[in-house]
């Protein structure tokens, strides 16, 4: 069963990419044809998401790249949130 973080991350990816899921956790952002600008947009959304749950902690633009898998991003967010 998907965690809240997993569901939310996939939702952000779908919104930014304009693609409908379901997304496999092993899929990279590059495989979804994410551009560097879309990675920046995703980092911005994740930064807001993390800061809303844990003020003072965030996601930097440089932390999200096209070679990351969806699972990598979920793991990053969980790490930031201390989960």
C-alpha atoms as a PDB file:
ATOM      1  CA  UNK A   1       0.000   0.000   0.000  1.00  0.00           C
ATOM      2  CA  UNK A   2       1.326   3.430  -0.926  1.00  0.00           C
ATOM      3  CA  UNK A   3       2.392   5.801   1.817  1.00  0.00           C
ATOM      4  CA  UNK A   4       1.128   9.365   1.973  1.00  0.00           C
ATOM      5  CA  UNK A   5       4.558  10.604   0.882  1.00  0.00           C
ATOM      6  CA  UNK A   6       4.587   8.231  -2.097  1.00  0.00           C
ATOM      7  CA  UNK A   7       1.103   9.297  -3.155  1.00  0.00           C
ATOM      8  CA  UNK A   8       1.931  12.984  -2.791  1.00  0.00           C
ATOM      9  CA  UNK A   9       5.253  12.734  -4.678  1.00  0.00           C
ATOM     10  CA  UNK A  10       3.579  10.887  -7.543  1.00  0.00           C
ATOM     11  CA  UNK A  11       0.836  13.510  -7.593  1.00  0.00           C
ATOM     12  CA  UNK A  12       3.412  16.308  -7.931  1.00  0.00           C
ATOM     13  CA  UNK A  13       5.157  14.402 -10.727  1.00  0.00           C
ATOM     14  CA  UNK A  14       1.873  13.922 -12.564  1.00  0.00           C
ATOM     15  CA  UNK A  15       0.891  17.566 -12.205  1.00  0.00           C
ATOM     16  CA  UNK A  16       4.242  18.850 -13.475  1.00  0.00           C
ATOM     17  CA  UNK A  17       4.623  16.338 -16.299  1.00  0.00           C
ATOM     18  CA  UNK A  18       1.004  16.427 -17.409  1.00  0.00           C
ATOM     19  CA  UNK A  19       1.092  12.623 -17.442  1.00  0.00           C
ATOM     20  CA  UNK A  20      -1.353  10.319 -15.753  1.00  0.00           C
ATOM     21  CA  UNK A  21      -0.090   7.515 -13.555  1.00  0.00           C
ATOM     22  CA  UNK A  22       0.207   5.029 -12.274  1.00  0.00           C
ATOM     23  CA  UNK A  23       3.930   5.577 -12.123  1.00  0.00           C
ATOM     24  CA  UNK A  24       6.320   2.747 -11.355  1.00  0.00           C
ATOM     25  CA  UNK A  25       8.697   3.657  -8.530  1.00  0.00           C
ATOM     26  CA  UNK A  26      11.688   2.553 -10.633  1.00  0.00           C
ATOM     27  CA  UNK A  27      10.898   5.013 -13.434  1.00  0.00           C
ATOM     28  CA  UNK A  28      13.320   7.909 -13.732  1.00  0.00           C
ATOM     29  CA  UNK A  29      12.294  11.480 -14.337  1.00  0.00           C
ATOM     30  CA  UNK A  30      14.284  11.315 -17.572  1.00  0.00           C
ATOM     31  CA  UNK A  31      12.165   8.393 -18.750  1.00  0.00           C
ATOM     32  CA  UNK A  32       9.129  10.623 -18.157  1.00  0.00           C
ATOM     33  CA  UNK A  33      10.818  13.249 -20.365  1.00  0.00           C
ATOM     34  CA  UNK A  34      11.319  15.693 -17.510  1.00  0.00           C
ATOM     35  CA  UNK A  35      13.397  18.719 -18.432  1.00  0.00           C
ATOM     36  CA  UNK A  36      15.750  20.549 -16.088  1.00  0.00           C
ATOM     37  CA  UNK A  37      13.064  23.223 -15.681  1.00  0.00           C
ATOM     38  CA  UNK A  38      10.505  20.584 -14.694  1.00  0.00           C
ATOM     39  CA  UNK A  39      12.991  19.152 -12.181  1.00  0.00           C
ATOM     40  CA  UNK A  40      13.272  22.665 -10.720  1.00  0.00           C
ATOM     41  CA  UNK A  41       9.482  22.913 -10.567  1.00  0.00           C
ATOM     42  CA  UNK A  42       9.325  19.547  -8.802  1.00  0.00           C
ATOM     43  CA  UNK A  43      12.037  20.604  -6.343  1.00  0.00           C
ATOM     44  CA  UNK A  44      10.025  23.758  -5.575  1.00  0.00           C
ATOM     45  CA  UNK A  45       6.852  21.751  -4.899  1.00  0.00           C
ATOM     46  CA  UNK A  46       8.740  19.242  -2.747  1.00  0.00           C
ATOM     47  CA  UNK A  47      10.426  22.093  -0.863  1.00  0.00           C
ATOM     48  CA  UNK A  48       7.004  23.570   0.018  1.00  0.00           C
ATOM     49  CA  UNK A  49       5.714  20.104   0.955  1.00  0.00           C
ATOM     50  CA  UNK A  50       8.629  19.346   3.274  1.00  0.00           C
ATOM     51  CA  UNK A  51       8.680  22.827   4.852  1.00  0.00           C
ATOM     52  CA  UNK A  52       4.943  22.587   5.574  1.00  0.00           C
ATOM     53  CA  UNK A  53       5.555  19.424   7.566  1.00  0.00           C
ATOM     54  CA  UNK A  54       8.978  20.256   8.994  1.00  0.00           C
ATOM     55  CA  UNK A  55       9.814  23.978   9.059  1.00  0.00           C
ATOM     56  CA  UNK A  56      13.477  24.750   8.539  1.00  0.00           C
ATOM     57  CA  UNK A  57      14.042  21.681   6.353  1.00  0.00           C
ATOM     58  CA  UNK A  58      13.673  21.826   2.596  1.00  0.00           C
ATOM     59  CA  UNK A  59      14.563  20.398  -0.784  1.00  0.00           C
ATOM     60  CA  UNK A  60      17.161  22.249  -2.835  1.00  0.00           C
ATOM     61  CA  UNK A  61      16.817  22.660  -6.584  1.00  0.00           C
ATOM     62  CA  UNK A  62      20.093  20.781  -7.092  1.00  0.00           C
ATOM     63  CA  UNK A  63      18.764  17.701  -5.254  1.00  0.00           C
ATOM     64  CA  UNK A  64      16.302  16.756  -8.024  1.00  0.00           C
ATOM     65  CA  UNK A  65      17.753  15.525 -11.328  1.00  0.00           C
ATOM     66  CA  UNK A  66      16.464  13.676 -14.374  1.00  0.00           C
ATOM     67  CA  UNK A  67      18.439  10.536 -13.476  1.00  0.00           C
ATOM     68  CA  UNK A  68      16.549  10.088 -10.198  1.00  0.00           C
ATOM     69  CA  UNK A  69      13.895   7.415  -9.949  1.00  0.00           C
ATOM     70  CA  UNK A  70      10.550   8.091  -8.347  1.00  0.00           C
ATOM     71  CA  UNK A  71      11.677   5.894  -5.453  1.00  0.00           C
ATOM     72  CA  UNK A  72      14.834   8.023  -5.055  1.00  0.00           C
ATOM     73  CA  UNK A  73      12.636  11.097  -4.700  1.00  0.00           C
ATOM     74  CA  UNK A  74      10.285   9.397  -2.240  1.00  0.00           C
ATOM     75  CA  UNK A  75      13.309   8.303  -0.195  1.00  0.00           C
ATOM     76  CA  UNK A  76      14.743  11.836  -0.263  1.00  0.00           C
ATOM     77  CA  UNK A  77      11.486  13.351   0.985  1.00  0.00           C
ATOM     78  CA  UNK A  78      11.133  10.681   3.683  1.00  0.00           C
ATOM     79  CA  UNK A  79      14.705  11.361   4.800  1.00  0.00           C
ATOM     80  CA  UNK A  80      14.016  15.107   4.990  1.00  0.00           C
ATOM     81  CA  UNK A  81      10.894  14.402   7.055  1.00  0.00           C
ATOM     82  CA  UNK A  82      12.720  11.977   9.326  1.00  0.00           C
ATOM     83  CA  UNK A  83      10.527   9.037   8.317  1.00  0.00           C
END
